[in-house]
Amino acid sequence: MKLIFKIIILLAFPSTIFAQDAAQIKKQAQGIAGALLKGDYQTVLNNTYPKAVEIGGGKAKMLKMMTEGLDQMKAQGFLFEKITIGEPGKFYKAGTEIHCLIPETIVMKTNQGRFAGKSNLLAVSSNGGKSWSFLDLNRGSINAIDQIFPKFNHSLVIPQPQPPVKL
């Protein structure tokens, strides 16, 4: 009887590790998307995976690059119109972290019309799911995934971002 109980506990334990609150992760991702739409780049950076910020030169440098880059885009007629956050996917153990993908669709207005692009955010928790940081999975960050995450679990397959489609 004790053996059966131990087996049940051992089988159930891995699922409890990954029983994260998907609704909370999605809500946090939506808050970051809202901050980006409002131009609150500090909030975006505060919720960006710290190692990515470090690789990018630190918060001050990243904030300056983000502000200048997005201001330049606005000056050229590009404007974020809407960001839709999808449902978080499966949770994966990666070293001491937990990772999951969150699909996102970004709609932009340009001088040539409205465009929608689909990509993913990588949600990362280093404290068992108590808090999360995020990384936008563009081509550059996907190519650097092993540099950013030395213990990345490649069972989590990252799809390439889709080219924007004219609406």
N, C-alpha and C. Protein backbone atom coordinates (compact mmCIF):
# COMPACT_ATOMS: atom_id res chain seq x y z
N MET A 1 0.83 -1.20 0.00
CA MET A 1 0.00 0.00 0.00
C MET A 1 0.88 1.26 0.00
N LYS A 2 1.94 1.27 0.82
CA LYS A 2 2.83 2.43 0.86
C LYS A 2 3.52 2.63 -0.48
N LEU A 3 3.87 1.53 -1.14
CA LEU A 3 4.52 1.62 -2.44
C LEU A 3 3.60 2.27 -3.47
N ILE A 4 2.34 1.90 -3.48
CA ILE A 4 1.36 2.48 -4.41
C ILE A 4 1.22 3.97 -4.14
N PHE A 5 1.15 4.35 -2.85
CA PHE A 5 1.02 5.75 -2.49
C PHE A 5 2.24 6.55 -2.98
N LYS A 6 3.45 5.99 -2.79
CA LYS A 6 4.67 6.67 -3.24
C LYS A 6 4.69 6.82 -4.76
N ILE A 7 4.26 5.80 -5.46
CA ILE A 7 4.22 5.87 -6.92
C ILE A 7 3.26 6.95 -7.38
N ILE A 8 2.09 7.02 -6.74
CA ILE A 8 1.11 8.05 -7.10
C ILE A 8 1.68 9.44 -6.84
N ILE A 9 2.35 9.63 -5.71
CA ILE A 9 2.97 10.93 -5.39
C ILE A 9 4.04 11.28 -6.41
N LEU A 10 4.89 10.31 -6.75
CA LEU A 10 5.95 10.56 -7.72
C LEU A 10 5.41 10.88 -9.10
N LEU A 11 4.32 10.25 -9.48
CA LEU A 11 3.72 10.54 -10.79
C LEU A 11 3.02 11.88 -10.80
N ALA A 12 2.42 12.25 -9.69
CA ALA A 12 1.68 13.52 -9.63
C ALA A 12 2.60 14.71 -9.42
N PHE A 13 3.74 14.53 -8.76
CA PHE A 13 4.63 15.64 -8.43
C PHE A 13 5.09 16.44 -9.64
N PRO A 14 5.56 15.80 -10.72
CA PRO A 14 5.99 16.61 -11.87
C PRO A 14 4.89 17.49 -12.42
N SER A 15 3.65 17.04 -12.39
CA SER A 15 2.58 17.88 -12.92
C SER A 15 2.31 19.06 -12.01
N THR A 16 2.54 18.92 -10.70
CA THR A 16 2.32 20.06 -9.82
C THR A 16 3.40 21.11 -10.00
N ILE A 17 4.61 20.68 -10.40
CA ILE A 17 5.67 21.65 -10.66
C ILE A 17 5.24 22.61 -11.77
N PHE A 18 4.57 22.08 -12.77
CA PHE A 18 4.19 22.88 -13.93
C PHE A 18 2.76 23.38 -13.88
N ALA A 19 2.08 23.17 -12.75
CA ALA A 19 0.69 23.64 -12.64
C ALA A 19 0.73 25.14 -12.34
N GLN A 20 1.09 25.90 -13.32
CA GLN A 20 1.24 27.33 -13.17
C GLN A 20 -0.10 28.02 -13.46
N ASP A 21 -0.18 29.25 -13.09
CA ASP A 21 -1.40 30.02 -13.30
C ASP A 21 -1.33 30.71 -14.66
N ALA A 22 -1.81 30.01 -15.69
CA ALA A 22 -1.75 30.54 -17.05
C ALA A 22 -2.50 31.87 -17.16
N ALA A 23 -3.61 32.00 -16.45
CA ALA A 23 -4.38 33.25 -16.52
C ALA A 23 -3.57 34.42 -15.98
N GLN A 24 -2.80 34.20 -14.92
CA GLN A 24 -1.98 35.26 -14.35
C GLN A 24 -0.85 35.66 -15.30
N ILE A 25 -0.23 34.65 -15.93
CA ILE A 25 0.84 34.94 -16.88
C ILE A 25 0.30 35.75 -18.06
N LYS A 26 -0.86 35.34 -18.56
CA LYS A 26 -1.47 36.06 -19.68
C LYS A 26 -1.81 37.49 -19.28
N LYS A 27 -2.34 37.67 -18.08
CA LYS A 27 -2.69 39.02 -17.59
C LYS A 27 -1.45 39.90 -17.51
N GLN A 28 -0.34 39.33 -17.02
CA GLN A 28 0.90 40.10 -16.93
C GLN A 28 1.40 40.47 -18.33
N ALA A 29 1.34 39.51 -19.26
CA ALA A 29 1.77 39.78 -20.64
C ALA A 29 0.89 40.85 -21.27
N GLN A 30 -0.41 40.82 -21.00
CA GLN A 30 -1.31 41.86 -21.53
C GLN A 30 -0.97 43.23 -20.95
N GLY A 31 -0.58 43.26 -19.69
CA GLY A 31 -0.17 44.53 -19.07
C GLY A 31 1.07 45.11 -19.73
N ILE A 32 2.00 44.25 -20.09
CA ILE A 32 3.22 44.69 -20.77
C ILE A 32 2.88 45.18 -22.17
N ALA A 33 1.99 44.46 -22.86
CA ALA A 33 1.55 44.90 -24.19
C ALA A 33 0.89 46.27 -24.11
N GLY A 34 0.06 46.46 -23.09
CA GLY A 34 -0.58 47.77 -22.89
C GLY A 34 0.44 48.86 -22.63
N ALA A 35 1.47 48.53 -21.86
CA ALA A 35 2.53 49.51 -21.59
C ALA A 35 3.25 49.89 -22.87
N LEU A 36 3.51 48.92 -23.73
CA LEU A 36 4.17 49.22 -25.01
C LEU A 36 3.29 50.13 -25.86
N LEU A 37 2.00 49.85 -25.90
CA LEU A 37 1.08 50.68 -26.69
C LEU A 37 1.04 52.12 -26.17
N LYS A 38 1.18 52.30 -24.86
CA LYS A 38 1.14 53.63 -24.24
C LYS A 38 2.50 54.34 -24.28
N GLY A 39 3.55 53.61 -24.71
CA GLY A 39 4.88 54.21 -24.72
C GLY A 39 5.58 54.14 -23.37
N ASP A 40 5.10 53.28 -22.48
CA ASP A 40 5.71 53.11 -21.16
C ASP A 40 6.79 52.04 -21.26
N TYR A 41 7.92 52.42 -21.86
CA TYR A 41 8.99 51.48 -22.13
C TYR A 41 9.71 51.02 -20.86
N GLN A 42 9.65 51.82 -19.80
CA GLN A 42 10.26 51.42 -18.53
C GLN A 42 9.56 50.18 -17.98
N THR A 43 8.23 50.14 -18.06
CA THR A 43 7.48 48.96 -17.61
C THR A 43 7.83 47.75 -18.46
N VAL A 44 7.95 47.96 -19.77
CA VAL A 44 8.33 46.87 -20.66
C VAL A 44 9.68 46.31 -20.23
N LEU A 45 10.65 47.18 -20.01
CA LEU A 45 11.99 46.73 -19.60
C LEU A 45 12.00 46.08 -18.23
N ASN A 46 11.20 46.60 -17.31
CA ASN A 46 11.14 46.01 -15.97
C ASN A 46 10.62 44.57 -15.99
N ASN A 47 9.91 44.21 -17.04
CA ASN A 47 9.35 42.87 -17.17
C ASN A 47 10.06 42.02 -18.21
N THR A 48 11.16 42.53 -18.75
CA THR A 48 11.95 41.80 -19.74
C THR A 48 12.93 40.89 -19.00
N TYR A 49 13.18 39.71 -19.56
CA TYR A 49 14.10 38.74 -18.95
C TYR A 49 15.43 39.44 -18.66
N PRO A 50 15.88 39.43 -17.39
CA PRO A 50 17.07 40.21 -16.98
C PRO A 50 18.34 39.91 -17.78
N LYS A 51 18.58 38.67 -18.12
CA LYS A 51 19.80 38.34 -18.87
C LYS A 51 19.78 39.00 -20.25
N ALA A 52 18.60 39.10 -20.87
CA ALA A 52 18.49 39.77 -22.16
C ALA A 52 18.79 41.26 -22.01
N VAL A 53 18.33 41.86 -20.93
CA VAL A 53 18.62 43.28 -20.67
C VAL A 53 20.12 43.46 -20.45
N GLU A 54 20.71 42.54 -19.70
CA GLU A 54 22.16 42.58 -19.45
C GLU A 54 22.94 42.47 -20.76
N ILE A 55 22.58 41.52 -21.60
CA ILE A 55 23.25 41.34 -22.88
C ILE A 55 23.09 42.58 -23.76
N GLY A 56 21.93 43.24 -23.63
CA GLY A 56 21.66 44.45 -24.41
C GLY A 56 22.36 45.70 -23.88
N GLY A 57 23.11 45.59 -22.79
CA GLY A 57 23.87 46.73 -22.28
C GLY A 57 23.30 47.35 -21.02
N GLY A 58 22.28 46.75 -20.43
CA GLY A 58 21.69 47.28 -19.20
C GLY A 58 20.43 48.08 -19.47
N LYS A 59 19.71 48.38 -18.38
CA LYS A 59 18.40 49.04 -18.51
C LYS A 59 18.49 50.42 -19.15
N ALA A 60 19.46 51.21 -18.73
CA ALA A 60 19.56 52.58 -19.25
C ALA A 60 19.80 52.57 -20.76
N LYS A 61 20.75 51.75 -21.20
CA LYS A 61 21.06 51.67 -22.63
C LYS A 61 19.87 51.10 -23.41
N MET A 62 19.25 50.07 -22.86
CA MET A 62 18.09 49.45 -23.54
C MET A 62 16.93 50.43 -23.62
N LEU A 63 16.69 51.19 -22.55
CA LEU A 63 15.60 52.17 -22.56
C LEU A 63 15.86 53.24 -23.62
N LYS A 64 17.08 53.69 -23.71
CA LYS A 64 17.43 54.70 -24.72
C LYS A 64 17.24 54.14 -26.13
N MET A 65 17.74 52.92 -26.37
CA MET A 65 17.60 52.31 -27.70
C MET A 65 16.13 52.08 -28.05
N MET A 66 15.36 51.62 -27.08
CA MET A 66 13.95 51.35 -27.33
C MET A 66 13.20 52.65 -27.62
N THR A 67 13.44 53.67 -26.81
CA THR A 67 12.77 54.95 -26.99
C THR A 67 13.12 55.56 -28.34
N GLU A 68 14.41 55.61 -28.66
CA GLU A 68 14.85 56.20 -29.93
C GLU A 68 14.32 55.39 -31.12
N GLY A 69 14.40 54.08 -31.04
CA GLY A 69 13.94 53.23 -32.14
C GLY A 69 12.45 53.36 -32.39
N LEU A 70 11.67 53.34 -31.33
CA LEU A 70 10.22 53.43 -31.50
C LEU A 70 9.78 54.85 -31.88
N ASP A 71 10.51 55.86 -31.39
CA ASP A 71 10.21 57.23 -31.82
C ASP A 71 10.52 57.40 -33.31
N GLN A 72 11.60 56.78 -33.76
CA GLN A 72 11.96 56.84 -35.18
C GLN A 72 10.88 56.13 -36.03
N MET A 73 10.40 55.01 -35.54
CA MET A 73 9.33 54.30 -36.26
C MET A 73 8.08 55.19 -36.37
N LYS A 74 7.71 55.85 -35.27
CA LYS A 74 6.55 56.75 -35.29
C LYS A 74 6.74 57.86 -36.31
N ALA A 75 7.95 58.43 -36.33
CA ALA A 75 8.24 59.52 -37.27
C ALA A 75 8.12 59.06 -38.72
N GLN A 76 8.33 57.76 -38.96
CA GLN A 76 8.21 57.20 -40.31
C GLN A 76 6.80 56.69 -40.61
N GLY A 77 5.87 56.93 -39.67
CA GLY A 77 4.48 56.55 -39.91
C GLY A 77 4.07 55.19 -39.37
N PHE A 78 4.93 54.55 -38.60
CA PHE A 78 4.58 53.25 -38.00
C PHE A 78 3.99 53.51 -36.62
N LEU A 79 2.87 52.85 -36.35
CA LEU A 79 2.21 53.03 -35.07
C LEU A 79 1.62 51.70 -34.61
N PHE A 80 1.98 51.29 -33.38
CA PHE A 80 1.36 50.10 -32.81
C PHE A 80 -0.12 50.41 -32.60
N GLU A 81 -0.99 49.60 -33.15
CA GLU A 81 -2.42 49.81 -33.01
C GLU A 81 -3.01 48.88 -31.95
N LYS A 82 -2.59 47.61 -31.99
CA LYS A 82 -3.19 46.63 -31.10
C LYS A 82 -2.23 45.46 -30.92
N ILE A 83 -2.19 44.94 -29.70
CA ILE A 83 -1.42 43.73 -29.42
C ILE A 83 -2.36 42.75 -28.74
N THR A 84 -2.51 41.58 -29.33
CA THR A 84 -3.37 40.55 -28.77
C THR A 84 -2.49 39.43 -28.22
N ILE A 85 -2.72 39.10 -26.97
CA ILE A 85 -1.96 38.05 -26.30
C ILE A 85 -2.82 36.79 -26.28
N GLY A 86 -2.23 35.68 -26.74
CA GLY A 86 -2.93 34.40 -26.76
C GLY A 86 -2.79 33.64 -25.44
N GLU A 87 -3.20 32.39 -25.46
CA GLU A 87 -3.14 31.55 -24.27
C GLU A 87 -1.74 30.95 -24.11
N PRO A 88 -1.19 31.01 -22.90
CA PRO A 88 0.12 30.39 -22.66
C PRO A 88 0.08 28.90 -22.99
N GLY A 89 1.20 28.43 -23.53
CA GLY A 89 1.32 27.02 -23.91
C GLY A 89 1.81 26.16 -22.76
N LYS A 90 2.35 25.04 -23.11
CA LYS A 90 2.85 24.05 -22.16
C LYS A 90 4.06 24.62 -21.41
N PHE A 91 4.20 24.22 -20.15
CA PHE A 91 5.33 24.65 -19.33
C PHE A 91 6.46 23.64 -19.42
N TYR A 92 7.69 24.16 -19.50
CA TYR A 92 8.88 23.32 -19.63
C TYR A 92 9.88 23.68 -18.55
N LYS A 93 10.49 22.68 -17.96
CA LYS A 93 11.58 22.89 -17.01
C LYS A 93 12.85 23.09 -17.82
N ALA A 94 13.62 24.13 -17.50
CA ALA A 94 14.88 24.44 -18.19
C ALA A 94 15.90 24.82 -17.12
N GLY A 95 16.65 23.85 -16.66
CA GLY A 95 17.57 24.11 -15.55
C GLY A 95 16.76 24.46 -14.32
N THR A 96 17.00 25.63 -13.75
CA THR A 96 16.26 26.06 -12.56
C THR A 96 15.05 26.93 -12.93
N GLU A 97 14.80 27.09 -14.22
CA GLU A 97 13.71 27.96 -14.67
C GLU A 97 12.54 27.15 -15.23
N ILE A 98 11.42 27.84 -15.35
CA ILE A 98 10.25 27.32 -16.05
C ILE A 98 10.01 28.24 -17.24
N HIS A 99 9.78 27.67 -18.41
CA HIS A 99 9.54 28.44 -19.63
C HIS A 99 8.20 28.05 -20.24
N CYS A 100 7.56 29.00 -20.89
CA CYS A 100 6.40 28.69 -21.73
C CYS A 100 6.25 29.76 -22.80
N LEU A 101 5.65 29.36 -23.91
CA LEU A 101 5.41 30.29 -25.01
C LEU A 101 4.03 30.91 -24.89
N ILE A 102 3.95 32.17 -25.27
CA ILE A 102 2.68 32.88 -25.32
C ILE A 102 2.58 33.51 -26.71
N PRO A 103 1.61 33.08 -27.52
CA PRO A 103 1.47 33.69 -28.84
C PRO A 103 0.99 35.14 -28.74
N GLU A 104 1.46 35.95 -29.67
CA GLU A 104 1.02 37.34 -29.72
C GLU A 104 0.83 37.76 -31.17
N THR A 105 -0.13 38.64 -31.36
CA THR A 105 -0.38 39.23 -32.67
C THR A 105 -0.27 40.74 -32.51
N ILE A 106 0.57 41.35 -33.33
CA ILE A 106 0.78 42.80 -33.27
C ILE A 106 0.24 43.41 -34.54
N VAL A 107 -0.68 44.36 -34.39
CA VAL A 107 -1.24 45.09 -35.53
C VAL A 107 -0.63 46.48 -35.53
N MET A 108 -0.07 46.85 -36.69
CA MET A 108 0.56 48.16 -36.84
C MET A 108 -0.08 48.92 -37.99
N LYS A 109 -0.17 50.24 -37.80
CA LYS A 109 -0.58 51.14 -38.88
C LYS A 109 0.69 51.67 -39.50
N THR A 110 0.71 51.71 -40.82
CA THR A 110 1.84 52.28 -41.55
C THR A 110 1.30 53.19 -42.65
N ASN A 111 2.20 53.85 -43.33
CA ASN A 111 1.78 54.67 -44.48
C ASN A 111 1.23 53.79 -45.61
N GLN A 112 1.59 52.51 -45.60
CA GLN A 112 1.12 51.59 -46.64
C GLN A 112 -0.12 50.80 -46.22
N GLY A 113 -0.66 51.09 -45.04
CA GLY A 113 -1.85 50.39 -44.56
C GLY A 113 -1.60 49.73 -43.21
N ARG A 114 -2.52 48.85 -42.86
CA ARG A 114 -2.43 48.14 -41.58
C ARG A 114 -1.86 46.73 -41.82
N PHE A 115 -0.99 46.30 -40.90
CA PHE A 115 -0.35 45.00 -41.01
C PHE A 115 -0.43 44.28 -39.68
N ALA A 116 -0.53 42.94 -39.73
CA ALA A 116 -0.53 42.12 -38.53
C ALA A 116 0.60 41.11 -38.62
N GLY A 117 1.37 41.01 -37.55
CA GLY A 117 2.45 40.03 -37.48
C GLY A 117 2.23 39.12 -36.28
N LYS A 118 2.56 37.86 -36.44
CA LYS A 118 2.40 36.89 -35.35
C LYS A 118 3.76 36.40 -34.91
N SER A 119 3.95 36.36 -33.59
CA SER A 119 5.18 35.85 -33.01
C SER A 119 4.85 35.29 -31.64
N ASN A 120 5.85 35.13 -30.80
CA ASN A 120 5.65 34.59 -29.46
C ASN A 120 6.47 35.36 -28.44
N LEU A 121 5.99 35.34 -27.22
CA LEU A 121 6.76 35.77 -26.07
C LEU A 121 7.21 34.51 -25.35
N LEU A 122 8.38 34.55 -24.76
CA LEU A 122 8.82 33.47 -23.90
C LEU A 122 8.65 33.97 -22.47
N ALA A 123 7.78 33.30 -21.71
CA ALA A 123 7.60 33.63 -20.29
C ALA A 123 8.60 32.78 -19.51
N VAL A 124 9.29 33.42 -18.55
CA VAL A 124 10.35 32.76 -17.80
C VAL A 124 10.16 33.02 -16.31
N SER A 125 10.19 31.95 -15.53
CA SER A 125 10.17 32.09 -14.08
C SER A 125 11.37 31.37 -13.50
N SER A 126 12.08 32.05 -12.61
CA SER A 126 13.22 31.43 -11.94
C SER A 126 12.90 31.13 -10.48
N ASN A 127 11.62 31.34 -10.10
CA ASN A 127 11.25 31.09 -8.70
C ASN A 127 9.99 30.21 -8.59
N GLY A 128 9.92 29.23 -9.45
CA GLY A 128 8.82 28.27 -9.37
C GLY A 128 7.47 28.80 -9.79
N GLY A 129 7.45 29.87 -10.55
CA GLY A 129 6.19 30.41 -11.05
C GLY A 129 5.60 31.53 -10.22
N LYS A 130 6.33 32.01 -9.20
CA LYS A 130 5.82 33.11 -8.38
C LYS A 130 5.84 34.43 -9.14
N SER A 131 6.86 34.61 -9.99
CA SER A 131 6.92 35.81 -10.81
C SER A 131 7.48 35.42 -12.18
N TRP A 132 7.22 36.27 -13.17
CA TRP A 132 7.57 35.96 -14.55
C TRP A 132 8.22 37.16 -15.20
N SER A 133 9.16 36.88 -16.09
CA SER A 133 9.70 37.90 -16.98
C SER A 133 9.51 37.38 -18.39
N PHE A 134 9.70 38.25 -19.38
CA PHE A 134 9.33 37.91 -20.74
C PHE A 134 10.44 38.29 -21.72
N LEU A 135 10.46 37.56 -22.83
CA LEU A 135 11.37 37.86 -23.92
C LEU A 135 10.60 37.76 -25.21
N ASP A 136 10.63 38.85 -25.99
CA ASP A 136 10.00 38.83 -27.31
C ASP A 136 10.85 37.96 -28.22
N LEU A 137 10.24 36.97 -28.83
CA LEU A 137 10.99 36.03 -29.66
C LEU A 137 11.00 36.47 -31.12
N ASN A 138 11.86 37.45 -31.39
CA ASN A 138 12.09 37.86 -32.78
C ASN A 138 13.24 37.02 -33.32
N ARG A 139 13.57 37.20 -34.56
CA ARG A 139 14.63 36.37 -35.17
C ARG A 139 15.95 36.47 -34.41
N GLY A 140 16.31 37.67 -33.96
CA GLY A 140 17.56 37.85 -33.24
C GLY A 140 17.59 37.11 -31.91
N SER A 141 16.52 37.24 -31.13
CA SER A 141 16.50 36.55 -29.83
C SER A 141 16.40 35.04 -30.00
N ILE A 142 15.71 34.58 -31.05
CA ILE A 142 15.64 33.14 -31.30
C ILE A 142 17.02 32.60 -31.64
N ASN A 143 17.77 33.34 -32.46
CA ASN A 143 19.12 32.90 -32.84
C ASN A 143 20.07 32.90 -31.65
N ALA A 144 19.80 33.73 -30.65
CA ALA A 144 20.68 33.83 -29.48
C ALA A 144 20.14 33.04 -28.28
N ILE A 145 19.16 32.18 -28.49
CA ILE A 145 18.48 31.51 -27.37
C ILE A 145 19.44 30.74 -26.48
N ASP A 146 20.42 30.05 -27.07
CA ASP A 146 21.36 29.28 -26.25
C ASP A 146 22.35 30.17 -25.50
N GLN A 147 22.59 31.37 -26.01
CA GLN A 147 23.44 32.33 -25.31
C GLN A 147 22.66 32.94 -24.13
N ILE A 148 21.41 33.25 -24.36
CA ILE A 148 20.58 33.86 -23.32
C ILE A 148 20.20 32.83 -22.26
N PHE A 149 19.90 31.60 -22.71
CA PHE A 149 19.45 30.52 -21.82
C PHE A 149 20.36 29.30 -22.00
N PRO A 150 21.49 29.24 -21.30
CA PRO A 150 22.41 28.11 -21.48
C PRO A 150 21.78 26.74 -21.21
N LYS A 151 20.74 26.69 -20.40
CA LYS A 151 20.09 25.41 -20.09
C LYS A 151 18.71 25.33 -20.74
N PHE A 152 18.54 25.97 -21.88
CA PHE A 152 17.25 25.96 -22.57
C PHE A 152 16.83 24.53 -22.89
N ASN A 153 15.58 24.23 -22.65
CA ASN A 153 15.03 22.90 -22.93
C ASN A 153 14.51 22.92 -24.37
N HIS A 154 15.22 22.25 -25.26
CA HIS A 154 14.86 22.29 -26.68
C HIS A 154 13.64 21.43 -27.01
N SER A 155 13.02 20.84 -25.98
CA SER A 155 11.72 20.20 -26.20
C SER A 155 10.67 21.28 -26.48
N LEU A 156 10.94 22.48 -25.99
CA LEU A 156 10.08 23.63 -26.28
C LEU A 156 10.52 24.15 -27.65
N VAL A 157 9.70 23.91 -28.63
CA VAL A 157 10.04 24.30 -30.01
C VAL A 157 9.49 25.71 -30.25
N ILE A 158 10.39 26.59 -30.66
CA ILE A 158 10.00 27.98 -30.90
C ILE A 158 9.74 28.17 -32.39
N PRO A 159 8.49 28.47 -32.75
CA PRO A 159 8.22 28.74 -34.17
C PRO A 159 8.81 30.08 -34.59
N GLN A 160 9.21 30.17 -35.83
CA GLN A 160 9.72 31.43 -36.36
C GLN A 160 8.56 32.43 -36.45
N PRO A 161 8.85 33.71 -36.20
CA PRO A 161 7.81 34.73 -36.37
C PRO A 161 7.33 34.72 -37.83
N GLN A 162 6.05 35.00 -38.01
CA GLN A 162 5.49 35.04 -39.35
C GLN A 162 5.63 36.45 -39.91
N PRO A 163 5.89 36.55 -41.22
CA PRO A 163 5.97 37.88 -41.82
C PRO A 163 4.63 38.61 -41.67
N PRO A 164 4.68 39.92 -41.52
CA PRO A 164 3.44 40.68 -41.40
C PRO A 164 2.55 40.49 -42.64
N VAL A 165 1.25 40.48 -42.38
CA VAL A 165 0.24 40.32 -43.43
C VAL A 165 -0.56 41.61 -43.50
N LYS A 166 -0.78 42.10 -44.70
CA LYS A 166 -1.57 43.32 -44.86
C LYS A 166 -3.05 43.01 -44.58
N LEU A 167 -3.65 43.87 -43.77
CA LEU A 167 -5.06 43.68 -43.41
C LEU A 167 -5.97 44.43 -44.35
